[in-house]
Amino acid sequence: MIELGKLNTLKMISKTEFGIYLGSKAQKVLLPKKQVPEGINLGDSLEVFVYKDSSDRLIATVNRPKVMLSQVALLKCKEVGKIGAFMDWGLEKDLFMPFKEQTVKVKAGHDYLVSVYVDKSDRLCATMKIYDYLENQSPYEKDDRVTGYVYDINPEFGAFVAVDNRYNAMIGRSELFSTVKVGENISARVTNVREDGKLDLSIKQKAYIQMDTDAQLVMQAIEEFGGVLPFSDKASPEVIKREMNMSKNQFKRAVGRLLKEDKIIIGEKSIKKK
């Protein structure tokens, strides 16, 4: 059986002026003449990738695409048309990605993490909705540093990340105090490995390391406000998030560090530099 979107090892069954046919009498596919290896004979086997040409006919190639069915890979967008985008996957015919399969507005010349699926018309297409195509069993453990690609953001849950462009991970909403965007490569720390193998990530350092950084940021903000920060650690979480891009707990820890170092005076509604 010839499988679309995968590597197939097929036997040569006939030869024509256009190339050779591979497979069987019941199901065969053409390998174009310019790709036929020298010295191949009837009955010889050849490993080929099978996709469809511009006329939606099965076609074989000895070339290897950058991504195959259900795999995930970073592809460059070559062009955006009226009905979708066209991705460079290393073959003569570009891989089509419908607008409905895009999680952000795709731009030509930019790279996007995608997978390949078969649509209702039995054609290979790209999708940025890769959650179901990522692996759950990674080699990483708690406190490991990892790098990943942000492929989707849900305000209710957080940012979805493909670690190593391969493994399922997420930065929870409560951890998103720094702005991350779809398409961004981030460095993060594994905070938890779930029972199903998926990773929980944080883009913050461990609390005792993060506290030093946050204390420096608070001191910098105080100086930028002329030595008096116009709110204290009693301010609402919304104010602290808006002004400092920190959680209230982060801010309180940082202020506590500065107070312990005798660098500030905390008032009811402000923080002053000593």
Protein backbone atom coordinates (compact mmCIF):
# COMPACT_ATOMS: atom_id res chain seq x y z
CA MET A 1 0.00 0.00 0.00
CA ILE A 2 1.34 3.42 -0.98
CA GLU A 3 1.19 5.90 1.92
CA LEU A 4 0.77 9.59 1.20
CA GLY A 5 3.11 11.93 3.06
CA LYS A 6 5.53 9.17 4.10
CA LEU A 7 8.61 7.35 2.86
CA ASN A 8 7.68 4.24 0.89
CA THR A 9 9.93 1.43 -0.28
CA LEU A 10 8.47 0.43 -3.64
CA LYS A 11 9.44 -1.86 -6.52
CA MET A 12 9.89 -0.65 -10.07
CA ILE A 13 7.10 -2.22 -12.18
CA SER A 14 7.39 -0.39 -15.54
CA LYS A 15 9.18 2.31 -17.47
CA THR A 16 7.79 5.12 -19.66
CA GLU A 17 9.19 8.16 -21.47
CA PHE A 18 8.15 10.26 -18.43
CA GLY A 19 9.94 8.14 -15.83
CA ILE A 20 9.25 4.89 -14.01
CA TYR A 21 6.27 3.50 -12.17
CA LEU A 22 6.70 2.15 -8.66
CA GLY A 23 4.33 -0.01 -6.60
CA SER A 24 2.04 -2.68 -7.97
CA LYS A 25 -0.55 -3.17 -10.69
CA ALA A 26 -3.26 -2.30 -8.16
CA GLN A 27 -1.58 0.91 -7.01
CA LYS A 28 1.32 2.67 -8.65
CA VAL A 29 3.04 6.04 -8.57
CA LEU A 30 5.24 7.85 -11.08
CA LEU A 31 8.83 8.81 -10.32
CA PRO A 32 9.71 11.56 -12.85
CA LYS A 33 12.48 10.78 -15.34
CA LYS A 34 14.89 13.41 -13.97
CA GLN A 35 14.86 11.65 -10.59
CA VAL A 36 15.28 8.08 -11.78
CA PRO A 37 18.59 6.64 -10.50
CA GLU A 38 20.97 5.20 -13.06
CA GLY A 39 21.05 1.44 -13.29
CA ILE A 40 17.65 0.74 -11.73
CA ASN A 41 15.88 -2.27 -13.26
CA LEU A 42 12.44 -3.90 -13.12
CA GLY A 43 11.83 -5.43 -9.70
CA ASP A 44 14.40 -3.24 -7.95
CA SER A 45 13.22 -1.45 -4.80
CA LEU A 46 13.57 2.27 -4.17
CA GLU A 47 12.76 4.43 -1.16
CA VAL A 48 10.72 7.48 -2.18
CA PHE A 49 8.53 10.15 -0.60
CA VAL A 50 4.98 10.25 -1.98
CA TYR A 51 2.94 13.45 -2.25
CA LYS A 52 0.69 15.07 -4.87
CA ASP A 53 1.59 17.25 -7.83
CA SER A 54 -0.15 20.45 -8.91
CA SER A 55 -2.83 18.35 -10.62
CA ASP A 56 -3.50 16.39 -7.40
CA ARG A 57 -1.97 13.21 -8.80
CA LEU A 58 0.24 10.97 -6.67
CA ILE A 59 3.90 11.63 -7.43
CA ALA A 60 7.10 10.15 -6.02
CA THR A 61 10.41 11.86 -5.30
CA VAL A 62 13.79 10.63 -4.13
CA ASN A 63 14.23 13.96 -2.34
CA ARG A 64 13.43 14.18 1.37
CA PRO A 65 11.08 16.94 2.54
CA LYS A 66 11.90 18.90 5.70
CA VAL A 67 8.77 17.49 7.35
CA MET A 68 6.52 14.49 6.72
CA LEU A 69 3.03 13.43 7.79
CA SER A 70 2.43 14.06 11.54
CA GLN A 71 5.99 15.32 12.07
CA VAL A 72 6.84 18.82 13.31
CA ALA A 73 9.41 21.16 11.76
CA LEU A 74 10.27 24.83 11.36
CA LEU A 75 9.43 25.98 7.82
CA LYS A 76 9.83 29.29 6.05
CA CYS A 77 6.79 30.93 4.47
CA LYS A 78 7.55 31.65 0.82
CA GLU A 79 4.33 33.41 -0.09
CA VAL A 80 0.92 34.35 1.27
CA GLY A 81 -1.96 34.04 -1.21
CA LYS A 82 -5.69 34.68 -1.18
CA ILE A 83 -6.59 31.38 0.48
CA GLY A 84 -3.54 30.63 2.58
CA ALA A 85 0.24 30.48 2.80
CA PHE A 86 2.82 28.43 0.93
CA MET A 87 5.63 26.90 2.95
CA ASP A 88 9.06 25.78 1.77
CA TRP A 89 9.43 22.13 2.73
CA GLY A 90 12.25 21.34 0.33
CA LEU A 91 10.23 19.97 -2.60
CA GLU A 92 9.37 21.46 -6.01
CA LYS A 93 5.75 22.03 -5.03
CA ASP A 94 5.38 24.18 -1.88
CA LEU A 95 3.31 22.96 1.07
CA PHE A 96 -0.02 24.78 1.38
CA MET A 97 -1.24 26.05 4.76
CA PRO A 98 -4.90 27.25 4.85
CA PHE A 99 -5.74 30.39 6.82
CA LYS A 100 -7.86 28.32 9.21
CA GLU A 101 -4.75 26.36 10.24
CA GLN A 102 -2.78 29.49 11.17
CA THR A 103 -2.69 30.59 14.83
CA VAL A 104 -1.20 34.00 13.93
CA LYS A 105 -1.06 36.05 10.76
CA VAL A 106 1.67 34.46 8.67
CA LYS A 107 4.18 36.62 6.78
CA ALA A 108 6.43 35.73 3.86
CA GLY A 109 10.06 35.25 4.82
CA HIS A 110 9.27 34.25 8.43
CA ASP A 111 9.73 30.79 9.98
CA TYR A 112 6.84 28.91 11.60
CA LEU A 113 6.61 25.61 13.46
CA VAL A 114 4.15 23.39 11.60
CA SER A 115 3.03 19.82 11.14
CA VAL A 116 1.58 18.02 8.12
CA TYR A 117 -1.90 16.51 7.86
CA VAL A 118 -4.18 15.14 5.13
CA ASP A 119 -7.19 17.39 4.44
CA LYS A 120 -10.70 16.39 3.40
CA SER A 121 -9.65 16.44 -0.25
CA ASP A 122 -6.86 13.95 0.48
CA ARG A 123 -4.12 16.54 0.04
CA LEU A 124 -1.12 17.23 2.26
CA CYS A 125 -1.36 20.55 4.08
CA ALA A 126 0.50 22.36 6.86
CA THR A 127 -0.95 23.40 10.20
CA MET A 128 0.31 25.55 13.05
CA LYS A 129 -2.07 23.73 15.42
CA ILE A 130 0.62 21.26 16.44
CA TYR A 131 -0.47 20.31 19.99
CA ASP A 132 -1.56 16.81 19.01
CA TYR A 133 1.61 16.18 17.00
CA LEU A 134 4.12 16.88 19.79
CA GLU A 135 5.63 14.18 21.97
CA ASN A 136 4.88 13.97 25.70
CA GLN A 137 7.81 11.88 26.90
CA SER A 138 10.85 14.17 27.04
CA PRO A 139 14.25 13.44 28.64
CA TYR A 140 13.96 16.51 30.89
CA GLU A 141 13.48 16.68 34.66
CA LYS A 142 12.50 19.38 37.16
CA ASP A 143 14.90 22.38 37.22
CA ASP A 144 16.46 21.51 33.84
CA ARG A 145 16.97 24.47 31.50
CA VAL A 146 15.29 24.06 28.11
CA THR A 147 14.69 26.07 24.96
CA GLY A 148 11.45 26.07 23.05
CA TYR A 149 9.25 27.68 20.42
CA VAL A 150 6.06 29.45 21.49
CA TYR A 151 3.44 28.14 19.06
CA ASP A 152 0.19 29.34 20.65
CA ILE A 153 -1.08 31.55 23.47
CA ASN A 154 -4.37 31.09 25.30
CA PRO A 155 -5.14 33.94 27.75
CA GLU A 156 -7.00 31.47 29.97
CA PHE A 157 -4.24 28.87 30.23
CA GLY A 158 -0.93 30.44 29.19
CA ALA A 159 1.64 29.96 26.44
CA PHE A 160 2.06 26.64 24.66
CA VAL A 161 5.66 25.75 23.91
CA ALA A 162 7.35 23.11 21.77
CA VAL A 163 10.56 22.28 23.64
CA ASP A 164 13.30 21.39 21.15
CA ASN A 165 10.52 21.80 18.54
CA ARG A 166 9.41 18.37 19.68
CA TYR A 167 8.02 18.08 23.23
CA ASN A 168 4.77 19.38 24.71
CA ALA A 169 5.19 22.10 27.34
CA MET A 170 3.34 25.09 28.74
CA ILE A 171 4.08 28.31 30.59
CA GLY A 172 1.10 28.80 32.89
CA ARG A 173 -0.82 32.06 32.87
CA SER A 174 0.48 32.95 36.34
CA GLU A 175 4.05 32.74 34.99
CA LEU A 176 3.50 35.11 32.07
CA PHE A 177 4.74 38.34 33.60
CA SER A 178 7.08 38.89 30.68
CA THR A 179 5.56 39.31 27.26
CA VAL A 180 5.99 36.31 25.00
CA LYS A 181 4.73 36.05 21.44
CA VAL A 182 3.87 33.26 19.05
CA GLY A 183 6.97 32.52 17.00
CA GLU A 184 9.38 33.45 19.77
CA ASN A 185 12.15 31.14 20.92
CA ILE A 186 12.45 31.20 24.70
CA SER A 187 14.72 29.82 27.40
CA ALA A 188 12.90 28.41 30.40
CA ARG A 189 13.19 26.24 33.50
CA VAL A 190 11.22 23.02 33.98
CA THR A 191 9.11 23.48 37.11
CA ASN A 192 7.18 20.23 36.87
CA VAL A 193 6.95 17.05 34.83
CA ARG A 194 3.31 15.97 34.78
CA GLU A 195 2.14 12.38 35.03
CA ASP A 196 1.48 12.32 31.28
CA GLY A 197 5.02 13.56 30.61
CA LYS A 198 4.14 17.12 29.56
CA LEU A 199 6.35 19.87 30.93
CA ASP A 200 5.41 22.92 32.98
CA LEU A 201 7.83 25.78 32.41
CA SER A 202 8.79 29.08 33.98
CA ILE A 203 10.71 31.88 32.30
CA LYS A 204 11.65 33.17 35.77
CA GLN A 205 14.68 32.02 37.70
CA LYS A 206 14.34 30.24 41.03
CA ALA A 207 12.94 32.60 43.66
CA TYR A 208 16.24 33.34 45.42
CA ILE A 209 17.95 34.14 42.09
CA GLN A 210 14.99 36.01 40.69
CA MET A 211 14.81 38.14 43.84
CA ASP A 212 18.19 39.74 43.09
CA THR A 213 17.11 40.64 39.57
CA ASP A 214 13.73 41.94 40.75
CA ALA A 215 15.33 44.04 43.50
CA GLN A 216 17.54 45.70 40.90
CA LEU A 217 14.50 46.41 38.72
CA VAL A 218 12.56 47.93 41.64
CA MET A 219 15.52 50.14 42.57
CA GLN A 220 15.83 51.24 38.95
CA ALA A 221 12.12 52.11 38.88
CA ILE A 222 12.43 54.14 42.11
CA GLU A 223 15.27 56.16 40.60
CA GLU A 224 13.32 56.70 37.37
CA PHE A 225 10.46 58.13 39.47
CA GLY A 226 12.86 60.65 41.02
CA GLY A 227 13.59 58.62 44.14
CA VAL A 228 9.96 58.01 45.15
CA LEU A 229 7.91 55.15 43.75
CA PRO A 230 4.25 56.33 43.78
CA PHE A 231 2.89 53.03 45.14
CA SER A 232 3.94 50.54 47.80
CA ASP A 233 3.82 46.79 48.27
CA LYS A 234 0.20 47.26 49.36
CA ALA A 235 -0.80 48.25 45.82
CA SER A 236 -3.15 45.97 43.89
CA PRO A 237 -1.68 43.12 41.82
CA GLU A 238 -3.00 44.87 38.70
CA VAL A 239 -1.04 48.07 39.42
CA ILE A 240 2.14 46.13 40.17
CA LYS A 241 1.75 44.04 37.03
CA ARG A 242 1.14 47.14 34.89
CA GLU A 243 3.98 49.21 36.32
CA MET A 244 6.59 46.57 37.15
CA ASN A 245 5.64 43.55 35.03
CA MET A 246 5.88 41.38 38.16
CA SER A 247 3.52 39.43 40.33
CA LYS A 248 2.67 40.98 43.71
CA ASN A 249 4.64 38.24 45.49
CA GLN A 250 7.70 38.94 43.33
CA PHE A 251 7.42 42.65 44.06
CA LYS A 252 7.06 42.12 47.82
CA ARG A 253 10.10 39.84 47.92
CA ALA A 254 12.16 42.39 45.98
CA VAL A 255 11.03 45.25 48.23
CA GLY A 256 11.82 43.11 51.28
CA ARG A 257 15.34 42.56 49.97
CA LEU A 258 15.88 46.31 49.48
CA LEU A 259 14.47 47.03 52.94
CA LYS A 260 16.79 44.46 54.52
CA GLU A 261 19.71 46.11 52.72
CA ASP A 262 18.58 49.48 54.18
CA LYS A 263 18.19 51.04 50.74
CA ILE A 264 14.55 52.15 50.95
CA ILE A 265 11.84 53.48 53.25
CA ILE A 266 8.36 51.99 52.78
CA GLY A 267 5.43 54.33 53.27
CA GLU A 268 1.69 53.70 53.17
CA LYS A 269 1.42 54.70 49.51
CA SER A 270 4.99 55.05 48.31
CA ILE A 271 8.53 53.71 48.52
CA LYS A 272 11.42 56.13 48.93
CA LYS A 273 15.07 55.70 48.25
CA LYS A 274 17.29 56.33 51.28
